[in-house]
Amino acid sequence: MSKRDYYEILGVQRDAGTEDVKRAYRKLAVKYHPDKNPGDPAAEERFKEATEAYEVLRDEDKRRSYDQFGHASVAGARGGGPAAGGGFEFDLSDALRAFMRDFGGFADVFGDPGRARGGRGGRGRDLQMKVGLTLREIATGVEKKIKLNKLVRCGTCGGSGAKQGSGPTTCPQCGGRGQLHRVQRTLLGQIMNAVTCPTCHGEGTVIAHACDACNGTGTLRGTEMMEVKIPAGVSSGNYLTLKSHGDAGEHGAPNGDVFVVIEEEEDELFERHGDDLLINVPVSSFDLALGTKVQVPTVDGKVSLRIPPGTQSHKIFRMRQKGIPHLHGHGRGDELVRVIAWTPQELTQEQREQLETLRARLGDGIPAPGRKIYS
């Protein structure tokens, strides 16, 4: 893993607060997440690198030690075991697990998309699918019907994998224990080790006559229709976990989980900044000078906004509680309305003459350049 400075990796100052560290990491993790960069080893490495930095800087004790001693202070820290080099030794599963722990979304319990699946009788695989949402759907919450292609339990054998009229029998190698005991001679004497039985893979039973429909696995390829209730306030990268809706496990083992990943679709009117929304509203120069009322779109419909006389272009007005609902709590963000002076692009001769007369009467009146012009 890289020896780059952790603060440099996340792009934060050394005195950055915990929330600054968290925001910086989330931005990088979403950008380099494997789902957004399939088959890109460089992006995967950046994802793991950012996670390594975050895991240290988010923890006060580890961060204090790192500030004092550098990478040597966290060498071999992963899981308490030895690392080959400085820092944590993150693999992709560790990085995904850390990301989901703090940013996984809004379910109470999250599975582990990086954990291994498979093996005879093992729990079914976890599955992942993406759901696109419009900004309006995010603002109100929505129920989505999704169709999932997955492994389902075989209806012929009921998932056992055994042919009708037969069933699993005791494993002849381990006698049904699922383990084999082996004696190893060492300098300290004999040590008894228990290992998983290679014949039954730890189940204690074997299938003598396999089901013709599923070839003894207990599963078949099928589909499932599900309704997913997504609360208001989610954002891209959030995960919703559907427990036990993943692939069916072999020989009656439990199903895996399904991770529903939120993808926010770009909106033609609004820019989203956290739970706040920004919209540009064109207003004529005359209305900015004289004052007016404009109808401003919101995610809940149009509302009236008063523009006071003398308003400068690019002035931003804040409409409270008109943004996106907070995901974890009450209330919602604000809507920021940026008024932009609209200039006619085509004028008749009469209109041009009238404007030139008005300009002559008003004079220049433009202030010197300064930061307070748009305040």
Protein backbone atom coordinates (compact mmCIF):
# COMPACT_ATOMS: atom_id res chain seq x y z
CA MET A 1 0.00 0.00 0.00
CA SER A 2 1.16 3.51 -0.71
CA LYS A 3 3.35 5.39 1.74
CA ARG A 4 1.89 8.76 0.71
CA ASP A 5 0.95 11.10 3.52
CA TYR A 6 -2.59 10.35 4.71
CA TYR A 7 -3.54 14.03 4.79
CA GLU A 8 -2.29 14.42 1.22
CA ILE A 9 -4.30 11.39 0.09
CA LEU A 10 -7.56 12.83 1.43
CA GLY A 11 -6.67 16.41 0.48
CA VAL A 12 -7.24 17.87 3.96
CA GLN A 13 -5.17 20.06 6.25
CA ARG A 14 -3.45 18.55 9.27
CA ASP A 15 -5.82 20.43 11.59
CA ALA A 16 -8.94 19.23 9.71
CA GLY A 17 -11.83 18.16 11.90
CA THR A 18 -13.40 14.72 11.89
CA GLU A 19 -16.31 15.83 9.72
CA ASP A 20 -13.90 17.38 7.19
CA VAL A 21 -11.99 14.09 7.04
CA LYS A 22 -15.24 12.19 6.60
CA ARG A 23 -16.48 14.43 3.80
CA ALA A 24 -13.16 14.27 1.97
CA TYR A 25 -13.06 10.49 2.20
CA ARG A 26 -16.63 10.06 1.02
CA LYS A 27 -15.96 12.21 -2.04
CA LEU A 28 -12.93 10.11 -3.01
CA ALA A 29 -14.56 6.79 -2.14
CA VAL A 30 -17.61 7.49 -4.29
CA LYS A 31 -15.38 8.65 -7.16
CA TYR A 32 -13.14 5.57 -7.09
CA HIS A 33 -15.70 3.00 -5.92
CA PRO A 34 -15.30 -0.31 -7.82
CA ASP A 35 -18.93 -0.14 -8.97
CA LYS A 36 -18.19 3.07 -10.84
CA ASN A 37 -14.87 1.84 -12.18
CA PRO A 38 -15.29 -1.83 -13.08
CA GLY A 39 -12.07 -3.51 -14.12
CA ASP A 40 -9.93 -0.43 -13.31
CA PRO A 41 -7.07 -1.50 -11.01
CA ALA A 42 -5.84 2.09 -10.60
CA ALA A 43 -9.24 3.23 -9.30
CA GLU A 44 -9.40 0.21 -6.99
CA GLU A 45 -5.99 1.10 -5.58
CA ARG A 46 -7.06 4.71 -4.99
CA PHE A 47 -10.20 3.45 -3.25
CA LYS A 48 -8.16 1.25 -0.92
CA GLU A 49 -5.59 4.01 -0.39
CA ALA A 50 -8.26 6.55 0.61
CA THR A 51 -9.88 4.02 2.96
CA GLU A 52 -6.54 3.32 4.63
CA ALA A 53 -6.00 7.03 5.23
CA TYR A 54 -9.53 7.50 6.50
CA GLU A 55 -9.35 4.60 8.95
CA VAL A 56 -6.36 6.25 10.63
CA LEU A 57 -7.44 9.89 10.57
CA ARG A 58 -10.99 9.19 11.78
CA ASP A 59 -9.67 7.58 14.97
CA GLU A 60 -8.31 10.06 17.53
CA ASP A 61 -5.75 7.67 19.05
CA LYS A 62 -4.46 6.38 15.71
CA ARG A 63 -4.34 9.91 14.31
CA ARG A 64 -2.40 11.21 17.32
CA SER A 65 0.07 8.38 16.97
CA TYR A 66 0.38 8.92 13.21
CA ASP A 67 0.98 12.66 13.68
CA GLN A 68 3.81 11.87 16.06
CA PHE A 69 5.47 8.84 14.46
CA GLY A 70 4.16 8.69 10.88
CA HIS A 71 3.47 5.40 9.07
CA ALA A 72 5.62 3.44 11.51
CA SER A 73 2.99 4.01 14.20
CA VAL A 74 0.33 2.05 12.29
CA ALA A 75 2.49 -0.64 10.69
CA GLY A 76 0.77 -4.00 11.03
CA ALA A 77 -2.31 -2.45 12.57
CA ARG A 78 -4.84 -4.24 10.42
CA GLY A 79 -6.66 -6.71 12.59
CA GLY A 80 -3.75 -6.76 15.01
CA GLY A 81 -1.69 -8.90 12.64
CA PRO A 82 1.62 -8.26 10.95
CA ALA A 83 1.64 -6.23 7.76
CA ALA A 84 4.13 -6.53 4.98
CA GLY A 85 4.83 -2.80 4.94
CA GLY A 86 3.87 0.44 6.63
CA GLY A 87 0.26 1.21 7.40
CA PHE A 88 -2.78 -1.02 7.16
CA GLU A 89 -2.85 -3.89 4.70
CA PHE A 90 -6.27 -3.31 3.17
CA ASP A 91 -7.70 -5.60 0.55
CA LEU A 92 -10.78 -4.62 -1.43
CA SER A 93 -13.15 -6.41 0.96
CA ASP A 94 -11.78 -4.41 3.90
CA ALA A 95 -12.16 -1.16 2.00
CA LEU A 96 -15.74 -1.92 0.94
CA ARG A 97 -16.62 -2.95 4.47
CA ALA A 98 -15.23 0.27 5.92
CA PHE A 99 -17.05 2.38 3.32
CA MET A 100 -20.37 0.66 3.95
CA ARG A 101 -19.95 0.95 7.71
CA ASP A 102 -19.94 4.76 7.65
CA PHE A 103 -21.60 5.57 4.32
CA GLY A 104 -23.54 2.46 3.42
CA GLY A 105 -26.85 4.20 3.61
CA PHE A 106 -29.97 3.91 5.65
CA ALA A 107 -30.64 0.27 6.58
CA ASP A 108 -30.20 -0.86 10.17
CA VAL A 109 -27.89 -3.74 9.31
CA PHE A 110 -25.55 -4.03 6.38
CA GLY A 111 -24.08 -7.19 4.97
CA ASP A 112 -20.59 -7.58 3.66
CA PRO A 113 -20.41 -7.48 -0.14
CA GLY A 114 -16.78 -8.50 -0.07
CA ARG A 115 -17.08 -11.67 1.94
CA ALA A 116 -16.58 -14.98 0.20
CA ARG A 117 -19.54 -17.07 -0.83
CA GLY A 118 -19.78 -20.54 -2.19
CA GLY A 119 -18.82 -23.99 -1.13
CA ARG A 120 -21.24 -26.86 -0.79
CA GLY A 121 -24.08 -25.94 1.55
CA GLY A 122 -22.72 -22.43 2.09
CA ARG A 123 -24.98 -19.41 2.50
CA GLY A 124 -26.12 -17.99 -0.84
CA ARG A 125 -24.26 -15.18 -2.56
CA ASP A 126 -24.98 -11.55 -1.82
CA LEU A 127 -26.24 -9.68 -4.87
CA GLN A 128 -26.03 -6.01 -5.78
CA MET A 129 -28.26 -3.98 -8.06
CA LYS A 130 -28.55 -0.30 -8.90
CA VAL A 131 -31.72 1.79 -8.78
CA GLY A 132 -31.87 5.19 -10.49
CA LEU A 133 -33.93 7.91 -8.78
CA THR A 134 -34.99 11.37 -9.94
CA LEU A 135 -34.56 14.33 -7.63
CA ARG A 136 -38.33 14.47 -7.10
CA GLU A 137 -38.37 10.82 -6.04
CA ILE A 138 -35.52 11.50 -3.63
CA ALA A 139 -37.37 14.48 -2.20
CA THR A 140 -40.56 12.54 -1.47
CA GLY A 141 -39.43 8.93 -1.06
CA VAL A 142 -40.64 6.26 -3.43
CA GLU A 143 -41.53 2.60 -3.78
CA LYS A 144 -39.80 0.82 -6.64
CA LYS A 145 -40.64 -2.53 -8.17
CA ILE A 146 -37.50 -4.36 -9.16
CA LYS A 147 -36.96 -7.64 -10.96
CA LEU A 148 -34.02 -9.67 -9.76
CA ASN A 149 -32.40 -12.55 -11.61
CA LYS A 150 -31.07 -14.95 -9.01
CA LEU A 151 -30.71 -18.52 -7.84
CA VAL A 152 -33.92 -19.82 -6.28
CA ARG A 153 -34.64 -22.97 -4.34
CA CYS A 154 -35.32 -26.01 -6.51
CA GLY A 155 -39.01 -26.89 -6.38
CA THR A 156 -38.44 -30.53 -7.32
CA CYS A 157 -36.24 -31.48 -4.40
CA GLY A 158 -37.20 -28.64 -2.07
CA GLY A 159 -33.61 -27.43 -2.06
CA SER A 160 -32.09 -30.58 -0.62
CA GLY A 161 -30.34 -31.55 -3.87
CA ALA A 162 -31.39 -35.17 -3.46
CA LYS A 163 -33.46 -37.14 -5.96
CA GLN A 164 -37.12 -37.68 -5.05
CA GLY A 165 -37.48 -40.69 -2.80
CA SER A 166 -33.93 -40.34 -1.49
CA GLY A 167 -32.13 -38.00 0.82
CA PRO A 168 -28.76 -37.04 2.20
CA THR A 169 -26.79 -39.86 3.84
CA THR A 170 -24.13 -39.78 6.49
CA CYS A 171 -20.70 -38.95 5.13
CA PRO A 172 -18.63 -42.16 5.11
CA GLN A 173 -15.33 -40.32 5.61
CA CYS A 174 -16.10 -38.26 8.72
CA GLY A 175 -19.04 -40.28 10.07
CA GLY A 176 -21.31 -37.26 10.08
CA ARG A 177 -19.05 -35.03 12.19
CA GLY A 178 -18.11 -32.72 9.32
CA GLN A 179 -14.52 -32.69 10.56
CA LEU A 180 -11.46 -34.88 10.46
CA HIS A 181 -8.93 -35.02 13.27
CA ARG A 182 -5.29 -35.21 12.36
CA VAL A 183 -2.29 -35.62 14.60
CA GLN A 184 0.76 -33.47 13.92
CA ARG A 185 4.10 -34.20 15.55
CA THR A 186 6.06 -31.13 16.71
CA LEU A 187 9.02 -30.43 18.96
CA LEU A 188 6.55 -29.88 21.78
CA GLY A 189 4.82 -33.19 21.20
CA GLN A 190 1.73 -34.26 19.33
CA ILE A 191 -0.92 -31.70 18.44
CA MET A 192 -4.45 -32.66 17.40
CA ASN A 193 -5.91 -30.52 14.60
CA ALA A 194 -9.50 -30.52 13.37
CA VAL A 195 -9.98 -29.85 9.65
CA THR A 196 -13.10 -29.61 7.49
CA CYS A 197 -14.00 -32.90 5.84
CA PRO A 198 -13.16 -32.61 2.12
CA THR A 199 -15.89 -35.08 1.12
CA CYS A 200 -18.93 -33.40 2.70
CA HIS A 201 -17.41 -29.92 3.10
CA GLY A 202 -18.33 -29.86 6.77
CA GLU A 203 -22.00 -30.77 6.39
CA GLY A 204 -21.72 -34.32 7.69
CA THR A 205 -23.92 -35.65 4.87
CA VAL A 206 -23.51 -36.43 1.19
CA ILE A 207 -25.94 -36.73 -1.71
CA ALA A 208 -25.82 -40.25 -3.13
CA HIS A 209 -28.54 -39.69 -5.77
CA ALA A 210 -28.64 -36.12 -7.12
CA CYS A 211 -31.85 -34.37 -8.16
CA ASP A 212 -32.22 -34.39 -11.96
CA ALA A 213 -33.69 -30.88 -12.04
CA CYS A 214 -30.88 -29.07 -10.23
CA ASN A 215 -28.04 -31.58 -10.59
CA GLY A 216 -27.78 -31.92 -6.85
CA THR A 217 -27.20 -28.25 -5.96
CA GLY A 218 -30.71 -27.56 -4.65
CA THR A 219 -30.89 -24.31 -6.67
CA LEU A 220 -32.11 -23.19 -10.09
CA ARG A 221 -31.87 -19.94 -12.02
CA GLY A 222 -35.03 -17.87 -11.58
CA THR A 223 -36.42 -14.38 -10.94
CA GLU A 224 -38.06 -12.53 -8.08
CA MET A 225 -40.18 -9.36 -8.15
CA MET A 226 -39.70 -7.14 -5.13
CA GLU A 227 -41.08 -3.83 -3.91
CA VAL A 228 -38.42 -1.64 -2.33
CA LYS A 229 -39.46 1.30 -0.18
CA ILE A 230 -36.82 4.02 -0.42
CA PRO A 231 -37.08 6.88 2.11
CA ALA A 232 -36.73 10.54 1.22
CA GLY A 233 -33.30 12.14 1.44
CA VAL A 234 -31.09 9.40 0.02
CA SER A 235 -28.15 10.17 -2.26
CA SER A 236 -25.88 8.37 -4.70
CA GLY A 237 -23.82 5.70 -3.01
CA ASN A 238 -26.36 4.85 -0.30
CA TYR A 239 -27.09 1.16 0.11
CA LEU A 240 -30.33 -0.47 1.21
CA THR A 241 -29.98 -4.05 2.41
CA LEU A 242 -32.72 -6.58 1.67
CA LYS A 243 -31.97 -9.43 4.04
CA SER A 244 -32.29 -12.98 2.69
CA HIS A 245 -33.33 -11.95 -0.83
CA GLY A 246 -30.06 -12.89 -2.52
CA ASP A 247 -29.11 -16.18 -4.15
CA ALA A 248 -30.48 -19.29 -2.50
CA GLY A 249 -27.86 -21.36 -0.71
CA GLU A 250 -27.06 -24.87 -1.87
CA HIS A 251 -28.76 -27.83 -0.20
CA GLY A 252 -31.22 -25.69 1.74
CA ALA A 253 -28.69 -23.23 3.14
CA PRO A 254 -29.93 -19.66 3.84
CA ASN A 255 -30.21 -17.05 1.13
CA GLY A 256 -27.71 -14.24 0.76
CA ASP A 257 -28.68 -10.57 0.89
CA VAL A 258 -29.38 -7.97 -1.79
CA PHE A 259 -27.72 -4.56 -1.72
CA VAL A 260 -29.78 -1.93 -3.54
CA VAL A 261 -27.41 0.87 -4.56
CA ILE A 262 -28.88 4.33 -5.11
CA GLU A 263 -27.90 6.27 -8.23
CA GLU A 264 -29.17 9.84 -8.40
CA GLU A 265 -30.09 11.05 -11.89
CA GLU A 266 -29.00 14.52 -12.96
CA ASP A 267 -31.78 17.11 -12.75
CA GLU A 268 -32.32 19.69 -15.49
CA LEU A 269 -33.23 22.48 -13.04
CA PHE A 270 -31.48 21.89 -9.74
CA GLU A 271 -27.94 21.34 -8.52
CA ARG A 272 -27.81 19.35 -5.31
CA HIS A 273 -25.39 20.36 -2.56
CA GLY A 274 -25.98 17.99 0.32
CA ASP A 275 -29.61 18.57 1.25
CA ASP A 276 -29.64 22.09 -0.24
CA LEU A 277 -30.70 22.78 -3.82
CA LEU A 278 -29.43 25.52 -6.12
CA ILE A 279 -31.41 26.90 -9.05
CA ASN A 280 -30.61 29.70 -11.50
CA VAL A 281 -33.56 31.99 -12.28
CA PRO A 282 -33.30 34.49 -15.17
CA VAL A 283 -34.72 37.95 -14.37
CA SER A 284 -34.73 41.01 -16.62
CA SER A 285 -32.43 43.89 -15.74
CA PHE A 286 -35.44 46.17 -15.35
CA ASP A 287 -37.02 43.86 -12.77
CA LEU A 288 -33.75 43.65 -10.88
CA ALA A 289 -33.56 47.46 -10.84
CA LEU A 290 -37.19 48.10 -9.95
CA GLY A 291 -37.98 45.00 -7.89
CA THR A 292 -40.52 42.31 -8.70
CA LYS A 293 -41.97 38.97 -7.72
CA VAL A 294 -41.02 35.79 -9.57
CA GLN A 295 -42.41 32.27 -9.51
CA VAL A 296 -39.61 29.89 -8.54
CA PRO A 297 -39.78 26.11 -9.11
CA THR A 298 -39.22 23.86 -6.08
CA VAL A 299 -39.44 20.09 -5.73
CA ASP A 300 -42.93 20.65 -4.27
CA GLY A 301 -44.19 23.09 -6.90
CA LYS A 302 -43.77 26.80 -7.62
CA VAL A 303 -43.55 29.46 -4.90
CA SER A 304 -43.43 33.25 -5.09
CA LEU A 305 -40.16 35.04 -4.30
CA ARG A 306 -39.87 38.81 -3.85
CA ILE A 307 -36.89 40.46 -5.56
CA PRO A 308 -36.15 43.83 -3.90
CA PRO A 309 -35.25 46.91 -5.97
CA GLY A 310 -31.57 47.29 -6.82
CA THR A 311 -30.79 43.58 -6.76
CA GLN A 312 -27.57 42.72 -8.57
CA SER A 313 -27.17 39.78 -10.91
CA HIS A 314 -25.99 36.54 -9.25
CA LYS A 315 -27.50 37.52 -5.93
CA ILE A 316 -28.52 34.36 -4.03
CA PHE A 317 -31.73 34.18 -2.02
CA ARG A 318 -32.31 31.41 0.50
CA MET A 319 -35.74 29.81 0.79
CA ARG A 320 -35.80 27.90 4.04
CA GLN A 321 -36.99 24.28 4.21
CA LYS A 322 -37.49 23.99 0.43
CA GLY A 323 -34.67 21.54 -0.21
CA ILE A 324 -34.24 17.80 0.30
CA PRO A 325 -35.52 16.17 3.53
CA HIS A 326 -32.80 15.11 5.96
CA LEU A 327 -32.34 11.36 5.80
CA HIS A 328 -31.54 10.85 9.48
CA GLY A 329 -33.72 13.35 11.25
CA HIS A 330 -36.44 15.97 10.97
CA GLY A 331 -36.53 18.99 8.70
CA ARG A 332 -35.00 19.51 5.30
CA GLY A 333 -32.43 21.58 3.47
CA ASP A 334 -32.94 24.96 1.83
CA GLU A 335 -33.35 26.08 -1.76
CA LEU A 336 -30.84 28.65 -2.97
CA VAL A 337 -32.15 30.89 -5.75
CA ARG A 338 -29.50 32.65 -7.82
CA VAL A 339 -31.00 35.42 -9.95
CA ILE A 340 -29.25 35.97 -13.26
CA ALA A 341 -29.69 39.17 -15.25
CA TRP A 342 -31.28 38.28 -18.58
CA THR A 343 -30.20 40.41 -21.51
CA PRO A 344 -32.28 40.50 -24.73
CA GLN A 345 -30.25 39.21 -27.66
CA GLU A 346 -32.37 40.70 -30.44
CA LEU A 347 -33.78 44.24 -30.41
CA THR A 348 -35.91 46.15 -32.87
CA GLN A 349 -34.68 49.54 -33.99
CA GLU A 350 -37.29 51.24 -31.85
CA GLN A 351 -36.28 49.25 -28.75
CA ARG A 352 -32.61 50.01 -29.32
CA GLU A 353 -33.33 53.75 -29.57
CA GLN A 354 -35.39 53.67 -26.37
CA LEU A 355 -32.62 51.87 -24.49
CA GLU A 356 -29.97 54.28 -25.74
CA THR A 357 -32.12 57.21 -24.59
CA LEU A 358 -32.57 55.58 -21.17
CA ARG A 359 -28.85 54.87 -20.89
CA ALA A 360 -28.02 58.46 -21.63
CA ARG A 361 -30.44 59.69 -18.95
CA LEU A 362 -29.22 57.25 -16.29
CA GLY A 363 -25.52 57.79 -16.95
CA ASP A 364 -22.88 55.19 -16.18
CA GLY A 365 -23.33 54.70 -12.44
CA ILE A 366 -21.26 51.51 -12.39
CA PRO A 367 -19.24 51.07 -9.18
CA ALA A 368 -15.56 50.25 -9.15
CA PRO A 369 -14.68 46.52 -9.12
CA GLY A 370 -15.04 44.97 -5.70
CA ARG A 371 -16.15 41.89 -3.82
CA LYS A 372 -19.24 43.57 -2.37
CA ILE A 373 -20.98 44.29 -5.65
CA TYR A 374 -23.13 41.12 -5.44
CA SER A 375 -23.75 41.19 -1.70
